[in-house]
Amino acid sequence: MSDATTRAAGPSTARGIATRARIIEAATTEFAQYGLAGARIDRIVAAARTNKAQLYAYFKDKDGLFDAIFVDSLERITEMVPIRDGDLADWAVRLYDDYLANPELIRLATWVRLERRPAGTLAEEAEPLEDVKVRAIKEAQAAGRVRAADAYDLKALVIGMSMTWSPVSNVYAATADEPDEVHERRRTLLRESVARVAAPG
């Protein structure tokens, strides 16, 4: 990420906290649709019902705002979709559901790949979050619940499988509007496939 991740102190009043939340929401939508280069601060402040001075008081600049929403999104998905008891098949299915409910995260990650980090990890600031997942996989491996393999590579493989029908799929992008039976069919296939890949032995 850029050096713009340094931000001013956050708001201390209820009104300020609400304004910052509106900025984050508006910026997430804007960046997910247009990327860092195409996003416009004017549209963000209009959607957030605030002004540029307020935005820059909370975030150093446009880059700082982008970094903040991307890292916040990674933190949210780590908290909301943890690996439970080393069950990678269950994790993959819950990631599938999260992509349906919150497609902006995948779009933001794609813009980071295109505009910032074409190789390596998506965000250095997010590496501690990745460590949480890798540690969970290693614990499951030690307990004999997951196959012996590089834990980071296994995490990457499972995430890739979970993104098969994501908003950035080059084959078919699923939406929450599709029939429940279609999603359940995919969940079953994903669950069974990841279970086979991750099975010990």
C-alpha atoms as a PDB file:
ATOM      1  CA  MET A   1       0.000   0.000   0.000  1.00  0.00           C
ATOM      2  CA  SER A   2       1.077   3.604  -0.292  1.00  0.00           C
ATOM      3  CA  ASP A   3       2.596   5.887   2.311  1.00  0.00           C
ATOM      4  CA  ALA A   4      -0.816   7.563   2.471  1.00  0.00           C
ATOM      5  CA  THR A   5      -2.059   5.072   5.007  1.00  0.00           C
ATOM      6  CA  THR A   6      -1.210   7.563   7.762  1.00  0.00           C
ATOM      7  CA  ARG A   7      -4.453   9.198   8.821  1.00  0.00           C
ATOM      8  CA  ALA A   8      -5.421  11.964  11.154  1.00  0.00           C
ATOM      9  CA  ALA A   9      -7.017  11.036  14.435  1.00  0.00           C
ATOM     10  CA  GLY A  10     -10.521   9.657  14.057  1.00  0.00           C
ATOM     11  CA  PRO A  11     -13.651  11.570  14.994  1.00  0.00           C
ATOM     12  CA  SER A  12     -14.453  11.944  18.674  1.00  0.00           C
ATOM     13  CA  THR A  13     -18.124  12.936  18.482  1.00  0.00           C
ATOM     14  CA  ALA A  14     -21.186  10.906  17.509  1.00  0.00           C
ATOM     15  CA  ARG A  15     -21.761  13.217  14.553  1.00  0.00           C
ATOM     16  CA  GLY A  16     -18.164  12.849  13.418  1.00  0.00           C
ATOM     17  CA  ILE A  17     -18.301   9.069  13.743  1.00  0.00           C
ATOM     18  CA  ALA A  18     -21.476   8.998  11.653  1.00  0.00           C
ATOM     19  CA  THR A  19     -19.888  11.228   8.999  1.00  0.00           C
ATOM     20  CA  ARG A  20     -16.799   9.032   8.803  1.00  0.00           C
ATOM     21  CA  ALA A  21     -19.003   5.939   8.440  1.00  0.00           C
ATOM     22  CA  ARG A  22     -20.884   7.586   5.546  1.00  0.00           C
ATOM     23  CA  ILE A  23     -17.579   8.434   3.869  1.00  0.00           C
ATOM     24  CA  ILE A  24     -16.390   4.836   4.210  1.00  0.00           C
ATOM     25  CA  GLU A  25     -19.661   3.512   2.767  1.00  0.00           C
ATOM     26  CA  ALA A  26     -19.672   5.950  -0.156  1.00  0.00           C
ATOM     27  CA  ALA A  27     -15.981   5.417  -0.880  1.00  0.00           C
ATOM     28  CA  THR A  28     -16.337   1.645  -0.822  1.00  0.00           C
ATOM     29  CA  THR A  29     -19.024   1.839  -3.505  1.00  0.00           C
ATOM     30  CA  GLU A  30     -17.048   4.359  -5.560  1.00  0.00           C
ATOM     31  CA  PHE A  31     -13.707   2.534  -5.445  1.00  0.00           C
ATOM     32  CA  ALA A  32     -15.303  -0.863  -6.070  1.00  0.00           C
ATOM     33  CA  GLN A  33     -16.894   0.476  -9.245  1.00  0.00           C
ATOM     34  CA  TYR A  34     -14.144   2.726 -10.589  1.00  0.00           C
ATOM     35  CA  GLY A  35     -10.883   1.719  -8.902  1.00  0.00           C
ATOM     36  CA  LEU A  36      -8.389   4.150  -7.423  1.00  0.00           C
ATOM     37  CA  ALA A  37      -7.622   5.974 -10.665  1.00  0.00           C
ATOM     38  CA  GLY A  38     -11.227   6.345 -11.780  1.00  0.00           C
ATOM     39  CA  ALA A  39     -12.825   7.187  -8.426  1.00  0.00           C
ATOM     40  CA  ARG A  40     -13.742  10.812  -7.783  1.00  0.00           C
ATOM     41  CA  ILE A  41     -13.660  12.527  -4.418  1.00  0.00           C
ATOM     42  CA  ASP A  42     -16.459  14.860  -5.549  1.00  0.00           C
ATOM     43  CA  ARG A  43     -18.809  11.909  -5.993  1.00  0.00           C
ATOM     44  CA  ILE A  44     -17.760  10.406  -2.656  1.00  0.00           C
ATOM     45  CA  VAL A  45     -18.408  13.571  -0.627  1.00  0.00           C
ATOM     46  CA  ALA A  46     -21.727  14.131  -2.417  1.00  0.00           C
ATOM     47  CA  ALA A  47     -22.881  10.597  -1.638  1.00  0.00           C
ATOM     48  CA  ALA A  48     -21.628  10.893   1.952  1.00  0.00           C
ATOM     49  CA  ARG A  49     -23.349  14.276   2.427  1.00  0.00           C
ATOM     50  CA  THR A  50     -20.146  15.927   3.598  1.00  0.00           C
ATOM     51  CA  ASN A  51     -17.283  17.985   2.142  1.00  0.00           C
ATOM     52  CA  LYS A  52     -13.673  17.518   1.083  1.00  0.00           C
ATOM     53  CA  ALA A  53     -12.280  19.244   4.176  1.00  0.00           C
ATOM     54  CA  GLN A  54     -14.063  16.751   6.411  1.00  0.00           C
ATOM     55  CA  LEU A  55     -12.918  13.798   4.321  1.00  0.00           C
ATOM     56  CA  TYR A  56      -9.293  14.929   4.393  1.00  0.00           C
ATOM     57  CA  ALA A  57      -9.517  15.506   8.138  1.00  0.00           C
ATOM     58  CA  TYR A  58     -10.155  11.783   8.614  1.00  0.00           C
ATOM     59  CA  PHE A  59      -8.055  10.451   5.723  1.00  0.00           C
ATOM     60  CA  LYS A  60      -4.849  12.021   4.492  1.00  0.00           C
ATOM     61  CA  ASP A  61      -5.827  11.921   0.822  1.00  0.00           C
ATOM     62  CA  LYS A  62      -7.486   9.777  -1.819  1.00  0.00           C
ATOM     63  CA  ASP A  63      -4.860   7.050  -1.437  1.00  0.00           C
ATOM     64  CA  GLY A  64      -5.263   7.062   2.321  1.00  0.00           C
ATOM     65  CA  LEU A  65      -9.016   6.669   1.967  1.00  0.00           C
ATOM     66  CA  PHE A  66      -8.619   3.765  -0.452  1.00  0.00           C
ATOM     67  CA  ASP A  67      -6.148   2.042   1.876  1.00  0.00           C
ATOM     68  CA  ALA A  68      -8.457   2.516   4.847  1.00  0.00           C
ATOM     69  CA  ILE A  69     -11.503   0.972   3.212  1.00  0.00           C
ATOM     70  CA  PHE A  70      -9.536  -1.925   1.737  1.00  0.00           C
ATOM     71  CA  VAL A  71      -7.844  -2.887   5.013  1.00  0.00           C
ATOM     72  CA  ASP A  72     -11.147  -2.403   6.859  1.00  0.00           C
ATOM     73  CA  SER A  73     -12.794  -4.784   4.364  1.00  0.00           C
ATOM     74  CA  LEU A  74     -10.098  -7.414   4.903  1.00  0.00           C
ATOM     75  CA  GLU A  75     -10.471  -7.075   8.661  1.00  0.00           C
ATOM     76  CA  ARG A  76     -14.232  -7.501   8.349  1.00  0.00           C
ATOM     77  CA  ILE A  77     -14.019 -10.660   6.281  1.00  0.00           C
ATOM     78  CA  THR A  78     -11.412 -12.129   8.646  1.00  0.00           C
ATOM     79  CA  GLU A  79     -13.728 -11.534  11.586  1.00  0.00           C
ATOM     80  CA  MET A  80     -16.977 -12.471   9.853  1.00  0.00           C
ATOM     81  CA  VAL A  81     -15.676 -15.509   7.938  1.00  0.00           C
ATOM     82  CA  PRO A  82     -13.075 -17.224  10.138  1.00  0.00           C
ATOM     83  CA  ILE A  83     -11.806 -20.762   9.647  1.00  0.00           C
ATOM     84  CA  ARG A  84     -13.678 -22.858  12.205  1.00  0.00           C
ATOM     85  CA  ASP A  85     -11.966 -25.954  13.580  1.00  0.00           C
ATOM     86  CA  GLY A  86      -9.895 -26.313  10.426  1.00  0.00           C
ATOM     87  CA  ASP A  87     -12.998 -26.992   8.314  1.00  0.00           C
ATOM     88  CA  LEU A  88     -11.805 -25.556   5.006  1.00  0.00           C
ATOM     89  CA  ALA A  89     -14.838 -26.807   3.083  1.00  0.00           C
ATOM     90  CA  ASP A  90     -17.171 -24.913   5.411  1.00  0.00           C
ATOM     91  CA  TRP A  91     -14.920 -21.852   5.164  1.00  0.00           C
ATOM     92  CA  ALA A  92     -15.034 -21.927   1.353  1.00  0.00           C
ATOM     93  CA  VAL A  93     -18.834 -22.068   1.336  1.00  0.00           C
ATOM     94  CA  ARG A  94     -19.107 -19.182   3.778  1.00  0.00           C
ATOM     95  CA  LEU A  95     -16.714 -17.176   1.593  1.00  0.00           C
ATOM     96  CA  TYR A  96     -18.975 -17.911  -1.382  1.00  0.00           C
ATOM     97  CA  ASP A  97     -21.922 -16.515   0.582  1.00  0.00           C
ATOM     98  CA  ASP A  98     -19.944 -13.460   1.677  1.00  0.00           C
ATOM     99  CA  TYR A  99     -19.020 -12.662  -1.934  1.00  0.00           C
ATOM    100  CA  LEU A 100     -22.731 -12.759  -2.789  1.00  0.00           C
ATOM    101  CA  ALA A 101     -23.627 -10.453   0.068  1.00  0.00           C
ATOM    102  CA  ASN A 102     -20.609  -8.143  -0.244  1.00  0.00           C
ATOM    103  CA  PRO A 103     -19.261  -8.216  -3.809  1.00  0.00           C
ATOM    104  CA  GLU A 104     -17.405  -4.943  -3.311  1.00  0.00           C
ATOM    105  CA  LEU A 105     -14.569  -6.682  -1.428  1.00  0.00           C
ATOM    106  CA  ILE A 106     -13.626  -8.799  -4.444  1.00  0.00           C
ATOM    107  CA  ARG A 107     -13.857  -5.793  -6.727  1.00  0.00           C
ATOM    108  CA  LEU A 108     -11.609  -3.756  -4.419  1.00  0.00           C
ATOM    109  CA  ALA A 109      -9.083  -6.591  -4.296  1.00  0.00           C
ATOM    110  CA  THR A 110      -9.096  -6.749  -8.086  1.00  0.00           C
ATOM    111  CA  TRP A 111      -8.394  -3.031  -8.375  1.00  0.00           C
ATOM    112  CA  VAL A 112      -5.488  -3.428  -5.957  1.00  0.00           C
ATOM    113  CA  ARG A 113      -4.089  -6.157  -8.216  1.00  0.00           C
ATOM    114  CA  LEU A 114      -4.539  -4.039 -11.337  1.00  0.00           C
ATOM    115  CA  GLU A 115      -3.405  -0.682 -10.003  1.00  0.00           C
ATOM    116  CA  ARG A 116      -1.004  -1.379  -7.171  1.00  0.00           C
ATOM    117  CA  ARG A 117       0.323  -4.862  -6.515  1.00  0.00           C
ATOM    118  CA  PRO A 118       0.433  -7.147  -9.561  1.00  0.00           C
ATOM    119  CA  ALA A 119       2.499  -9.704  -7.619  1.00  0.00           C
ATOM    120  CA  GLY A 120       2.841 -10.919  -4.040  1.00  0.00           C
ATOM    121  CA  THR A 121       0.356 -10.210  -1.263  1.00  0.00           C
ATOM    122  CA  LEU A 122      -2.445  -7.714  -1.755  1.00  0.00           C
ATOM    123  CA  ALA A 123      -1.551  -5.543   1.227  1.00  0.00           C
ATOM    124  CA  GLU A 124       1.390  -5.567   3.597  1.00  0.00           C
ATOM    125  CA  GLU A 125      -0.850  -4.115   6.295  1.00  0.00           C
ATOM    126  CA  ALA A 126      -3.122  -7.151   5.961  1.00  0.00           C
ATOM    127  CA  GLU A 127      -0.389  -9.743   6.482  1.00  0.00           C
ATOM    128  CA  PRO A 128      -1.258 -10.184  10.200  1.00  0.00           C
ATOM    129  CA  LEU A 129      -4.813 -11.006   9.070  1.00  0.00           C
ATOM    130  CA  GLU A 130      -3.441 -13.613   6.674  1.00  0.00           C
ATOM    131  CA  ASP A 131      -1.388 -15.073   9.531  1.00  0.00           C
ATOM    132  CA  VAL A 132      -4.631 -15.792  11.407  1.00  0.00           C
ATOM    133  CA  LYS A 133      -5.842 -17.996   8.552  1.00  0.00           C
ATOM    134  CA  VAL A 134      -2.494 -19.699   8.016  1.00  0.00           C
ATOM    135  CA  ARG A 135      -2.228 -20.425  11.735  1.00  0.00           C
ATOM    136  CA  ALA A 136      -5.708 -21.972  11.748  1.00  0.00           C
ATOM    137  CA  ILE A 137      -4.734 -24.229   8.859  1.00  0.00           C
ATOM    138  CA  LYS A 138      -1.476 -25.249  10.524  1.00  0.00           C
ATOM    139  CA  GLU A 139      -3.338 -26.115  13.731  1.00  0.00           C
ATOM    140  CA  ALA A 140      -5.756 -28.278  11.743  1.00  0.00           C
ATOM    141  CA  GLN A 141      -2.824 -29.957  10.002  1.00  0.00           C
ATOM    142  CA  ALA A 142      -1.158 -30.679  13.337  1.00  0.00           C
ATOM    143  CA  ALA A 143      -4.420 -32.243  14.545  1.00  0.00           C
ATOM    144  CA  GLY A 144      -4.572 -34.452  11.445  1.00  0.00           C
ATOM    145  CA  ARG A 145      -7.732 -32.817  10.022  1.00  0.00           C
ATOM    146  CA  VAL A 146      -6.108 -31.224   6.965  1.00  0.00           C
ATOM    147  CA  ARG A 147      -3.611 -32.599   4.472  1.00  0.00           C
ATOM    148  CA  ALA A 148       0.097 -31.905   4.762  1.00  0.00           C
ATOM    149  CA  ALA A 149       0.937 -29.018   2.421  1.00  0.00           C
ATOM    150  CA  ASP A 150       2.252 -25.493   2.635  1.00  0.00           C
ATOM    151  CA  ALA A 151      -0.448 -23.770   4.703  1.00  0.00           C
ATOM    152  CA  TYR A 152      -0.233 -20.516   2.761  1.00  0.00           C
ATOM    153  CA  ASP A 153      -0.563 -22.317  -0.571  1.00  0.00           C
ATOM    154  CA  LEU A 154      -3.488 -24.328   0.748  1.00  0.00           C
ATOM    155  CA  LYS A 155      -5.204 -21.135   1.917  1.00  0.00           C
ATOM    156  CA  ALA A 156      -4.682 -19.576  -1.516  1.00  0.00           C
ATOM    157  CA  LEU A 157      -6.079 -22.681  -3.243  1.00  0.00           C
ATOM    158  CA  VAL A 158      -9.235 -22.759  -1.112  1.00  0.00           C
ATOM    159  CA  ILE A 159      -9.846 -19.044  -1.582  1.00  0.00           C
ATOM    160  CA  GLY A 160      -9.412 -19.489  -5.332  1.00  0.00           C
ATOM    161  CA  MET A 161     -11.990 -22.271  -5.333  1.00  0.00           C
ATOM    162  CA  SER A 162     -14.393 -20.166  -3.288  1.00  0.00           C
ATOM    163  CA  MET A 163     -14.107 -17.402  -5.913  1.00  0.00           C
ATOM    164  CA  THR A 164     -15.151 -19.658  -8.808  1.00  0.00           C
ATOM    165  CA  TRP A 165     -18.459 -17.790  -9.222  1.00  0.00           C
ATOM    166  CA  SER A 166     -17.358 -14.500  -7.651  1.00  0.00           C
ATOM    167  CA  PRO A 167     -17.892 -11.039  -9.197  1.00  0.00           C
ATOM    168  CA  VAL A 168     -14.490 -11.294 -10.905  1.00  0.00           C
ATOM    169  CA  SER A 169     -14.970 -14.763 -12.387  1.00  0.00           C
ATOM    170  CA  ASN A 170     -13.927 -15.006 -16.029  1.00  0.00           C
ATOM    171  CA  VAL A 171     -16.503 -17.758 -16.571  1.00  0.00           C
ATOM    172  CA  TYR A 172     -19.665 -16.851 -14.652  1.00  0.00           C
ATOM    173  CA  ALA A 173     -20.328 -14.268 -11.936  1.00  0.00           C
ATOM    174  CA  ALA A 174     -23.089 -15.255  -9.523  1.00  0.00           C
ATOM    175  CA  THR A 175     -25.500 -12.802  -7.917  1.00  0.00           C
ATOM    176  CA  ALA A 176     -27.696 -12.938  -4.858  1.00  0.00           C
ATOM    177  CA  ASP A 177     -30.748 -12.662  -7.146  1.00  0.00           C
ATOM    178  CA  GLU A 178     -30.359 -16.186  -8.498  1.00  0.00           C
ATOM    179  CA  PRO A 179     -32.652 -18.970  -7.196  1.00  0.00           C
ATOM    180  CA  ASP A 180     -31.735 -20.562  -3.878  1.00  0.00           C
ATOM    181  CA  GLU A 181     -31.485 -23.993  -5.469  1.00  0.00           C
ATOM    182  CA  VAL A 182     -28.770 -22.735  -7.826  1.00  0.00           C
ATOM    183  CA  HIS A 183     -26.702 -21.406  -4.940  1.00  0.00           C
ATOM    184  CA  GLU A 184     -27.228 -24.604  -2.980  1.00  0.00           C
ATOM    185  CA  ARG A 185     -26.051 -26.669  -5.939  1.00  0.00           C
ATOM    186  CA  ARG A 186     -22.853 -24.627  -6.107  1.00  0.00           C
ATOM    187  CA  ARG A 187     -22.344 -24.760  -2.342  1.00  0.00           C
ATOM    188  CA  THR A 188     -22.610 -28.550  -2.421  1.00  0.00           C
ATOM    189  CA  LEU A 189     -20.109 -28.848  -5.265  1.00  0.00           C
ATOM    190  CA  LEU A 190     -17.737 -26.392  -3.597  1.00  0.00           C
ATOM    191  CA  ARG A 191     -18.009 -28.072  -0.200  1.00  0.00           C
ATOM    192  CA  GLU A 192     -17.363 -31.549  -1.607  1.00  0.00           C
ATOM    193  CA  SER A 193     -14.505 -30.375  -3.830  1.00  0.00           C
ATOM    194  CA  VAL A 194     -12.660 -28.486  -1.084  1.00  0.00           C
ATOM    195  CA  ALA A 195     -13.196 -31.364   1.339  1.00  0.00           C
ATOM    196  CA  ARG A 196     -11.452 -33.691  -1.119  1.00  0.00           C
ATOM    197  CA  VAL A 197      -8.597 -31.273  -1.717  1.00  0.00           C
ATOM    198  CA  ALA A 198      -8.048 -30.651   1.996  1.00  0.00           C
ATOM    199  CA  ALA A 199      -8.539 -34.216   3.198  1.00  0.00           C
ATOM    200  CA  PRO A 200      -5.542 -35.690   5.037  1.00  0.00           C
ATOM    201  CA  GLY A 201      -3.730 -38.677   3.655  1.00  0.00           C
END
